[in-house]
Protein backbone atom coordinates (compact mmCIF):
# COMPACT_ATOMS: atom_id res chain seq x y z
CA MET A 1 28.42 -3.62 10.52
CA PHE A 2 31.47 -3.33 8.30
CA TRP A 3 31.99 -2.54 4.64
CA ALA A 4 33.82 -4.95 2.33
CA ARG A 5 33.49 -3.53 -1.16
CA SER A 6 35.66 -4.45 -4.11
CA ILE A 7 37.81 -2.03 -6.09
CA LEU A 8 36.34 -0.38 -9.18
CA ALA A 9 37.20 -2.21 -12.37
CA GLN A 10 36.41 -1.83 -16.05
CA ASP A 11 34.00 -4.30 -17.56
CA GLY A 12 34.17 -5.56 -21.12
CA ALA A 13 32.33 -2.51 -22.48
CA GLY A 14 34.70 -0.06 -20.85
CA PHE A 15 32.31 1.04 -18.09
CA LEU A 16 33.35 1.41 -14.49
CA CYS A 17 31.58 -1.23 -12.47
CA GLU A 18 31.69 -2.37 -8.88
CA LYS A 19 30.34 -5.63 -7.51
CA GLU A 20 29.18 -5.87 -3.96
CA GLY A 21 31.27 -7.98 -1.65
CA GLY A 22 30.13 -7.06 1.83
CA SER A 23 27.42 -7.70 4.33
CA GLY A 24 24.07 -5.99 3.91
CA VAL A 25 22.66 -3.26 6.11
CA ARG A 26 19.60 -4.43 8.04
CA LEU A 27 16.89 -2.05 9.08
CA GLU A 28 17.01 -2.35 12.86
CA HIS A 29 13.50 -1.07 13.52
CA TYR A 30 11.20 -3.29 15.55
CA ILE A 31 7.54 -3.16 16.51
CA PRO A 32 5.65 -5.09 19.17
CA VAL A 33 3.03 -7.33 17.57
CA GLY A 34 1.10 -9.18 20.21
CA LYS A 35 3.65 -10.97 22.37
CA GLU A 36 6.35 -10.81 19.69
CA ARG A 37 8.93 -8.19 18.73
CA LEU A 38 9.23 -8.24 14.96
CA ARG A 39 11.69 -6.49 12.66
CA CYS A 40 10.33 -4.16 9.99
CA GLY A 41 11.64 -4.09 6.43
CA TYR A 42 11.34 -1.62 3.58
CA THR A 43 9.27 -1.58 0.42
CA THR A 44 10.22 -1.87 -3.23
CA GLY A 45 9.37 1.84 -3.41
CA THR A 46 11.98 2.66 -0.78
CA CYS A 47 14.52 0.49 -2.64
CA ALA A 48 13.81 2.35 -5.87
CA ALA A 49 14.14 5.75 -4.21
CA ALA A 50 17.40 4.80 -2.48
CA ALA A 51 18.85 3.36 -5.69
CA ALA A 52 17.81 6.51 -7.55
CA ARG A 53 19.58 8.68 -4.97
CA GLY A 54 22.74 6.59 -5.23
CA ALA A 55 22.75 6.59 -9.03
CA ALA A 56 22.10 10.34 -9.16
CA GLU A 57 24.89 11.12 -6.68
CA TYR A 58 27.36 8.94 -8.57
CA LEU A 59 26.42 10.51 -11.90
CA LEU A 60 26.52 14.11 -10.67
CA THR A 61 29.62 13.98 -8.47
CA GLY A 62 31.68 11.11 -9.86
CA ARG A 63 31.85 9.69 -6.34
CA CYS A 64 29.98 6.53 -5.44
CA PRO A 65 28.62 6.43 -1.88
CA ALA A 66 28.84 3.09 -0.11
CA ALA A 67 25.28 3.59 1.10
CA VAL A 68 22.57 6.22 1.11
CA GLU A 69 20.15 7.24 3.83
CA ILE A 70 16.63 8.30 2.93
CA ARG A 71 13.67 9.27 5.05
CA THR A 72 10.52 7.27 4.33
CA PRO A 73 6.97 8.71 4.44
CA ALA A 74 6.54 6.87 7.75
CA GLY A 75 9.27 9.12 9.21
CA ILE A 76 11.71 6.22 9.59
CA CYS A 77 15.18 6.63 8.10
CA VAL A 78 16.51 3.75 6.03
CA THR A 79 20.20 3.23 5.25
CA ALA A 80 20.53 1.20 2.08
CA GLU A 81 23.79 -0.27 0.82
CA LEU A 82 24.42 0.13 -2.90
CA GLU A 83 25.24 -2.88 -5.05
CA GLU A 84 26.05 -3.51 -8.73
CA VAL A 85 27.35 0.04 -9.18
CA CYS A 86 28.19 1.12 -12.76
CA ARG A 87 28.93 4.41 -14.51
CA GLY A 88 29.28 5.48 -18.16
CA GLY A 89 29.77 8.81 -19.88
CA ASP A 90 26.40 10.39 -19.10
CA TRP A 91 24.77 7.81 -16.85
CA ALA A 92 25.20 5.86 -13.63
CA SER A 93 23.33 2.97 -12.09
CA CYS A 94 23.19 0.94 -8.90
CA ALA A 95 20.89 -1.42 -7.06
CA VAL A 96 19.40 -1.83 -3.59
CA ARG A 97 18.41 -5.21 -2.18
CA LYS A 98 14.85 -5.55 -0.90
CA ASP A 99 14.60 -6.33 2.81
CA GLY A 100 11.22 -7.64 3.93
CA GLY A 101 12.15 -7.82 7.62
CA ASP A 102 10.18 -10.47 9.50
CA ASP A 103 7.43 -10.31 6.87
CA PRO A 104 9.17 -11.41 3.65
CA ASP A 105 7.14 -11.70 0.47
CA VAL A 106 8.07 -12.87 -3.02
CA THR A 107 10.22 -9.77 -3.59
CA ASP A 108 12.34 -10.24 -0.47
CA GLY A 109 16.03 -10.22 -1.35
CA ILE A 110 15.71 -9.15 -4.99
CA LEU A 111 17.68 -6.23 -6.43
CA ILE A 112 15.87 -3.05 -7.46
CA TYR A 113 17.97 -1.03 -9.92
CA ALA A 114 17.98 2.66 -10.84
CA LYS A 115 19.77 4.15 -13.83
CA ALA A 116 20.17 7.93 -13.89
CA VAL A 117 20.84 9.80 -17.15
CA CYS A 118 21.42 13.53 -17.59
CA ARG A 119 18.46 15.40 -19.04
CA PRO A 120 19.41 18.81 -20.51
CA ALA A 121 15.75 19.86 -20.79
CA GLY A 122 15.43 19.74 -17.00
CA GLY A 123 12.86 18.02 -14.79
CA ILE A 124 12.73 14.50 -13.40
CA VAL A 125 11.35 11.78 -15.66
CA ILE A 126 10.66 8.35 -14.12
CA ALA A 127 10.46 5.28 -16.33
CA GLY A 128 10.13 1.53 -15.86
CA GLY A 129 12.69 -0.94 -17.15
CA ALA A 130 13.05 -4.71 -17.22
CA GLY A 131 11.00 -6.57 -14.62
CA VAL A 132 8.77 -3.62 -13.75
CA GLY A 133 5.24 -4.29 -14.92
CA ARG A 134 3.24 -2.09 -17.26
CA VAL A 135 -0.40 -1.12 -16.71
CA THR A 136 -2.75 -2.49 -19.39
CA ARG A 137 -6.18 -1.85 -17.83
CA PRO A 138 -7.79 1.31 -16.39
CA GLY A 139 -8.59 1.85 -12.73
CA LEU A 140 -5.14 1.30 -11.19
CA ASP A 141 -2.84 3.81 -9.50
CA GLN A 142 -1.15 4.64 -12.82
CA PRO A 143 -2.80 5.16 -16.23
CA VAL A 144 -2.77 2.56 -18.99
CA GLY A 145 0.62 2.35 -20.67
CA GLU A 146 2.61 3.60 -17.68
CA ALA A 147 5.10 1.60 -15.66
CA ALA A 148 3.57 0.12 -12.49
CA ILE A 149 5.48 2.47 -10.20
CA ASN A 150 2.88 3.80 -7.78
CA SER A 151 2.38 7.42 -6.76
CA THR A 152 4.18 7.39 -3.41
CA PRO A 153 7.34 5.69 -4.77
CA ARG A 154 7.32 8.19 -7.66
CA ARG A 155 7.23 11.08 -5.18
CA MET A 156 10.06 9.50 -3.18
CA ILE A 157 12.21 8.95 -6.28
CA ARG A 158 11.62 12.51 -7.47
CA ALA A 159 12.43 13.96 -4.05
CA GLU A 160 15.69 12.01 -3.77
CA CYS A 161 16.78 13.05 -7.27
CA GLU A 162 16.00 16.69 -6.56
CA ALA A 163 17.98 16.48 -3.31
CA ALA A 164 20.96 14.99 -5.18
CA LEU A 165 20.81 17.76 -7.81
CA LYS A 166 20.66 20.44 -5.12
CA ALA A 167 23.55 18.93 -3.14
CA ALA A 168 25.70 18.73 -6.28
CA GLY A 169 24.80 22.25 -7.38
CA VAL A 170 23.79 21.00 -10.83
CA SER A 171 20.94 22.52 -12.81
CA CYS A 172 20.23 19.75 -15.35
CA GLY A 173 17.37 17.29 -15.08
CA LEU A 174 17.43 13.50 -14.80
CA THR A 175 15.75 10.54 -16.42
CA VAL A 176 15.58 7.70 -13.91
CA THR A 177 14.74 4.18 -15.05
CA ILE A 178 13.73 1.69 -12.37
CA SER A 179 14.16 -2.00 -13.13
CA ALA A 180 13.92 -5.32 -11.32
CA PRO A 181 15.17 -8.12 -13.59
CA ALA A 182 13.99 -10.82 -11.19
CA GLY A 183 10.51 -9.34 -11.40
CA VAL A 184 9.83 -10.95 -14.78
CA GLY A 185 9.72 -14.39 -13.20
CA LEU A 186 8.18 -13.28 -9.90
CA ALA A 187 5.19 -11.52 -11.46
CA ALA A 188 3.31 -14.80 -11.89
CA LYS A 189 3.38 -15.25 -8.09
CA THR A 190 1.60 -11.93 -7.55
CA PHE A 191 -1.87 -10.61 -8.41
CA ASN A 192 -0.41 -8.44 -11.18
CA PRO A 193 -1.50 -10.59 -14.16
CA ARG A 194 -5.07 -10.62 -12.85
CA LEU A 195 -5.04 -6.86 -12.32
CA GLY A 196 -3.79 -6.16 -15.82
CA ILE A 197 -0.16 -5.41 -14.96
CA GLU A 198 2.05 -7.27 -17.40
CA GLY A 199 5.75 -8.02 -17.64
CA GLY A 200 6.86 -7.72 -14.04
CA ILE A 201 6.23 -6.61 -10.47
CA SER A 202 4.88 -3.33 -9.16
CA ILE A 203 6.96 -0.77 -7.27
CA LEU A 204 4.80 -0.20 -4.22
CA GLY A 205 4.54 1.27 -0.74
CA THR A 206 2.60 4.07 0.93
CA SER A 207 4.70 4.36 4.09
CA GLY A 208 8.00 3.05 2.69
CA ILE A 209 8.17 0.54 5.52
CA VAL A 210 7.10 -3.11 5.59
CA ARG A 211 5.43 -3.94 8.88
CA PRO A 212 5.43 -7.62 9.91
CA MET A 213 2.15 -9.43 9.36
CA SER A 214 2.22 -12.47 11.63
CA GLU A 215 -1.48 -13.46 11.78
CA ALA A 216 -1.50 -14.75 15.35
CA ALA A 217 0.53 -11.80 16.59
CA LEU A 218 -1.68 -9.30 14.75
CA VAL A 219 -4.84 -10.76 16.25
CA ASP A 220 -3.25 -10.65 19.72
CA SER A 221 -2.31 -7.02 19.11
CA LEU A 222 -5.88 -6.26 18.01
CA TYR A 223 -7.25 -7.74 21.24
CA LEU A 224 -4.72 -5.73 23.25
CA GLU A 225 -5.88 -2.49 21.58
CA LEU A 226 -9.49 -3.25 22.49
CA ASP A 227 -8.52 -4.17 26.05
CA GLN A 228 -6.65 -0.87 26.49
CA LEU A 229 -9.51 1.15 25.01
CA TYR A 230 -12.03 -0.53 27.29
CA ALA A 231 -9.79 -0.07 30.34
CA ARG A 232 -9.66 3.70 29.85
CA GLY A 233 -13.45 3.91 29.65
CA GLY A 234 -14.10 3.67 25.93
CA ARG A 235 -17.34 1.92 25.07
CA ASP A 236 -17.85 3.11 21.47
CA VAL A 237 -15.10 1.88 19.18
CA LEU A 238 -14.12 3.30 15.78
CA VAL A 239 -12.58 0.59 13.59
CA THR A 240 -10.63 0.84 10.34
CA PRO A 241 -8.58 -1.80 8.51
CA GLY A 242 -5.56 0.52 8.35
CA ASN A 243 -4.17 3.97 7.57
CA TYR A 244 -6.43 4.76 4.60
CA GLY A 245 -9.56 4.31 6.67
CA ALA A 246 -8.14 6.25 9.62
CA ASP A 247 -7.13 9.15 7.39
CA PHE A 248 -10.56 9.25 5.76
CA ALA A 249 -12.31 9.11 9.14
CA ARG A 250 -10.28 12.06 10.39
CA THR A 251 -10.08 14.31 7.33
CA ASP A 252 -13.34 13.58 5.48
CA LEU A 253 -15.70 12.58 8.28
CA GLY A 254 -14.21 14.85 10.94
CA LEU A 255 -13.95 12.05 13.50
CA SER A 256 -11.66 11.87 16.49
CA LEU A 257 -9.28 8.92 16.47
CA GLN A 258 -9.18 8.71 20.25
CA ASN A 259 -11.18 5.48 20.28
CA LEU A 260 -9.68 4.04 17.11
CA CYS A 261 -8.76 0.39 16.69
CA SER A 262 -7.10 -1.05 13.57
CA CYS A 263 -8.44 -4.48 12.62
CA SER A 264 -6.24 -5.13 9.56
CA ASN A 265 -7.93 -8.00 7.69
CA TYR A 266 -9.39 -9.56 10.83
CA LEU A 267 -12.77 -7.88 11.05
CA GLY A 268 -14.55 -10.99 12.32
CA ASN A 269 -12.12 -11.38 15.22
CA CYS A 270 -12.50 -7.70 16.03
CA ILE A 271 -16.32 -7.78 16.10
CA ASP A 272 -16.40 -10.98 18.17
CA TYR A 273 -13.96 -9.67 20.76
CA ALA A 274 -15.56 -6.22 21.01
CA ALA A 275 -19.03 -7.73 21.48
CA GLY A 276 -17.76 -10.18 24.10
CA LYS A 277 -15.88 -7.43 25.90
CA GLY A 278 -19.04 -5.37 26.27
CA PHE A 279 -18.57 -2.44 23.88
CA ARG A 280 -21.80 -0.53 23.20
CA SER A 281 -21.16 0.35 19.58
CA PHE A 282 -18.86 -0.47 16.70
CA LEU A 283 -18.38 1.94 13.76
CA LEU A 284 -16.44 0.55 10.80
CA VAL A 285 -14.93 2.96 8.23
CA SER A 286 -13.47 1.12 5.27
CA HIS A 287 -12.79 1.09 1.55
CA LEU A 288 -15.74 -0.28 -0.40
CA GLY A 289 -13.57 -3.07 -1.80
CA LYS A 290 -13.18 -4.65 1.62
CA LEU A 291 -16.79 -4.02 2.58
CA SER A 292 -18.03 -5.72 -0.59
CA LYS A 293 -16.29 -8.88 0.64
CA VAL A 294 -18.01 -8.57 4.03
CA ALA A 295 -21.36 -8.04 2.28
CA ALA A 296 -20.88 -11.57 0.92
CA GLY A 297 -20.19 -12.93 4.40
CA ASN A 298 -16.37 -12.90 4.32
CA PHE A 299 -15.02 -11.57 7.63
CA ASN A 300 -11.35 -12.22 6.89
CA THR A 301 -10.66 -9.80 4.05
CA HIS A 302 -7.08 -10.83 3.21
CA SER A 303 -6.75 -11.37 -0.54
CA ALA A 304 -5.18 -14.77 0.03
CA VAL A 305 -8.25 -15.89 1.98
CA SER A 306 -11.16 -14.21 0.24
CA ASP A 307 -11.92 -11.89 -2.61
CA GLY A 308 -15.30 -11.85 -4.31
CA ARG A 309 -15.43 -8.06 -4.71
CA ARG A 310 -16.58 -8.19 -8.32
CA GLU A 311 -18.94 -11.08 -7.63
CA SER A 312 -20.54 -9.11 -4.82
CA LEU A 313 -20.86 -5.94 -6.90
CA CYS A 314 -22.23 -7.92 -9.86
CA THR A 315 -24.82 -9.60 -7.66
CA HIS A 316 -26.14 -6.35 -6.25
CA ALA A 317 -26.05 -4.64 -9.64
CA ALA A 318 -28.17 -7.49 -11.02
CA LEU A 319 -30.56 -7.24 -8.07
CA SER A 320 -30.85 -3.54 -8.87
CA GLY A 321 -31.94 -4.19 -12.46
CA GLY A 322 -28.61 -4.37 -14.30
CA ALA A 323 -28.85 -6.05 -17.70
CA GLY A 324 -26.61 -8.92 -18.78
CA ALA A 325 -24.26 -6.74 -20.83
CA VAL A 326 -23.72 -4.37 -17.92
CA ILE A 327 -23.04 -7.24 -15.53
CA ARG A 328 -20.52 -8.81 -17.92
CA ASP A 329 -18.78 -5.45 -18.28
CA LEU A 330 -18.76 -5.04 -14.51
CA TYR A 331 -17.30 -8.53 -14.05
CA ASP A 332 -14.35 -7.59 -16.26
CA CYS A 333 -13.38 -4.59 -14.09
CA VAL A 334 -10.09 -5.15 -12.26
CA THR A 335 -10.61 -2.56 -9.50
CA THR A 336 -13.48 -1.33 -7.36
CA GLU A 337 -12.95 2.21 -8.68
CA ALA A 338 -13.41 1.05 -12.27
CA ALA A 339 -16.54 -0.91 -11.30
CA LEU A 340 -18.04 2.20 -9.70
CA ASP A 341 -17.44 4.16 -12.89
CA ARG A 342 -19.28 1.46 -14.87
CA LEU A 343 -22.19 1.49 -12.42
CA ARG A 344 -22.47 5.26 -12.59
CA ALA A 345 -22.41 5.22 -16.38
CA ALA A 346 -25.22 2.63 -16.35
CA GLY A 347 -27.30 4.66 -13.87
CA LEU A 348 -27.09 1.86 -11.30
CA LEU A 349 -24.66 3.25 -8.73
CA GLU A 350 -27.08 4.42 -6.03
CA ASP A 351 -29.37 1.39 -6.21
CA THR A 352 -26.45 -1.04 -6.22
CA LEU A 353 -24.84 0.62 -3.21
CA GLU A 354 -28.15 0.59 -1.34
CA SER A 355 -28.57 -3.12 -2.03
CA LEU A 356 -24.98 -3.89 -1.04
CA MET A 357 -25.25 -1.84 2.16
CA GLY A 358 -28.38 -3.77 3.10
CA ALA A 359 -26.56 -7.08 2.77
CA LEU A 360 -23.55 -5.70 4.63
CA ASP A 361 -25.76 -4.50 7.46
CA ALA A 362 -27.41 -7.92 7.76
CA HIS A 363 -24.05 -9.72 8.03
CA LEU A 364 -22.60 -7.19 10.50
CA THR A 365 -25.69 -7.21 12.72
CA ALA A 366 -25.80 -11.00 12.83
CA ARG A 367 -22.12 -11.17 13.80
CA ALA A 368 -22.34 -8.38 16.42
CA GLY A 369 -25.16 -9.90 18.47
CA GLY A 370 -26.54 -7.16 20.69
CA MET A 371 -23.79 -4.62 20.00
CA THR A 372 -24.87 -1.69 17.83
CA ILE A 373 -22.88 -1.73 14.61
CA GLY A 374 -22.61 0.32 11.42
CA ALA A 375 -20.30 0.85 8.48
CA VAL A 376 -19.20 3.72 6.24
CA ALA A 377 -17.91 2.97 2.72
CA PHE A 378 -15.52 5.15 0.70
CA THR A 379 -12.92 4.97 -2.04
CA LYS A 380 -9.97 7.20 -2.83
CA GLN A 381 -11.39 8.51 -6.09
CA HIS A 382 -15.09 8.66 -5.22
CA GLY A 383 -14.86 9.70 -1.58
CA LEU A 384 -17.82 8.97 0.73
CA LEU A 385 -20.12 6.50 -1.02
CA ALA A 386 -22.64 4.95 1.34
CA MET A 387 -23.48 3.94 4.91
CA THR A 388 -25.40 1.10 6.47
CA PRO A 389 -28.74 2.19 7.94
CA GLY A 390 -27.50 2.76 11.51
CA ALA A 391 -24.09 4.25 10.78
CA ALA A 392 -25.08 7.93 10.69
CA ALA A 393 -26.27 7.75 14.31
CA LEU A 394 -22.85 6.49 15.41
CA LEU A 395 -20.81 9.31 13.83
CA PRO A 396 -21.50 11.86 16.64
CA LEU A 397 -20.07 9.40 19.18
CA HIS A 398 -16.64 10.00 17.65
CA ARG A 399 -16.75 13.78 17.36
CA GLY A 400 -15.41 16.38 19.80
CA GLU A 401 -17.93 16.59 22.59
CA GLU A 402 -18.56 12.84 22.58
CA GLU A 403 -14.90 11.70 22.61
CA THR A 404 -14.78 10.61 26.24
CA ARG A 405 -18.25 9.16 26.46
């Protein structure tokens, strides 16, 4: 890689600005997915944090770095080149270009900007600017009225700003405004309008890294995981869609992850292959949102393929005695967490979950054939919620003394 950046020049307003003229910096981190080797990218949250670090350094030192390196929550370091650099009397701004790797989405290639302003009162304040959506309904990661910058990106931005302040030896605070001008037009191509996020995209990411999502390659990788587990003697498989489920299984249920397999959105493929392979049991630990889809018979839980979460919850709330007004209110909820709050307030939570778990158990058992199967449902806010009838008996198979069974 080489740098080819233009010389600083004054714009019409008298601010120092610099336009990018060089090649970008690719994240050269690859993962094997099935038979393929795919390049990872980084999230809008990582872009925002890197831009914030660059803007803060430029503001505090008067020197503009060509690029910044930040460490993502996944432990992978990302070097991001800074573009559209500008500086005024008490502020500085720059942008980082989103890199989706081999799994580009609608935000791939757009610029995420950060503007840092001195804050005499101290502390780090994070705000949303043009193209960053604003939350208008309860139940999302951020409260109503806040910019749709999720918790992990906020922590990353704050950490990078604090590191810049410490390195510069400056004691003031910073106000950092994250914007994505292209996000105004792109928002309509996302689920944001339906979720109640208006005016732009969300700044997202729990690991900071975008992992490629080739469907065929992911399914091949899933089969490979099951093959390897079976080859080393595992006959009782613990399955989660991803990191949230694995973390909950370990920390809240006290389960070993030795026999863990990640199914992503391909639960049906996972059950079919495990049953055909000869596994004895299959324990699924998942967020209730995904399991409510499966309770309606949807075994591919990708949002582009199936949803039906609210329809499923409404059905089982009605079967549990919910009146028309409650069902209409439930139908208007934009998240599973918000729906659970409505059910609890109506005194229907336990009966609805019992009904939904019964339907889930019927679909899982029919799909699994003779393989013993069970599921555990949780959410981030409500914790452990419910289990299918046979799930409790499978939990000991994934605890200490049973790990190598």
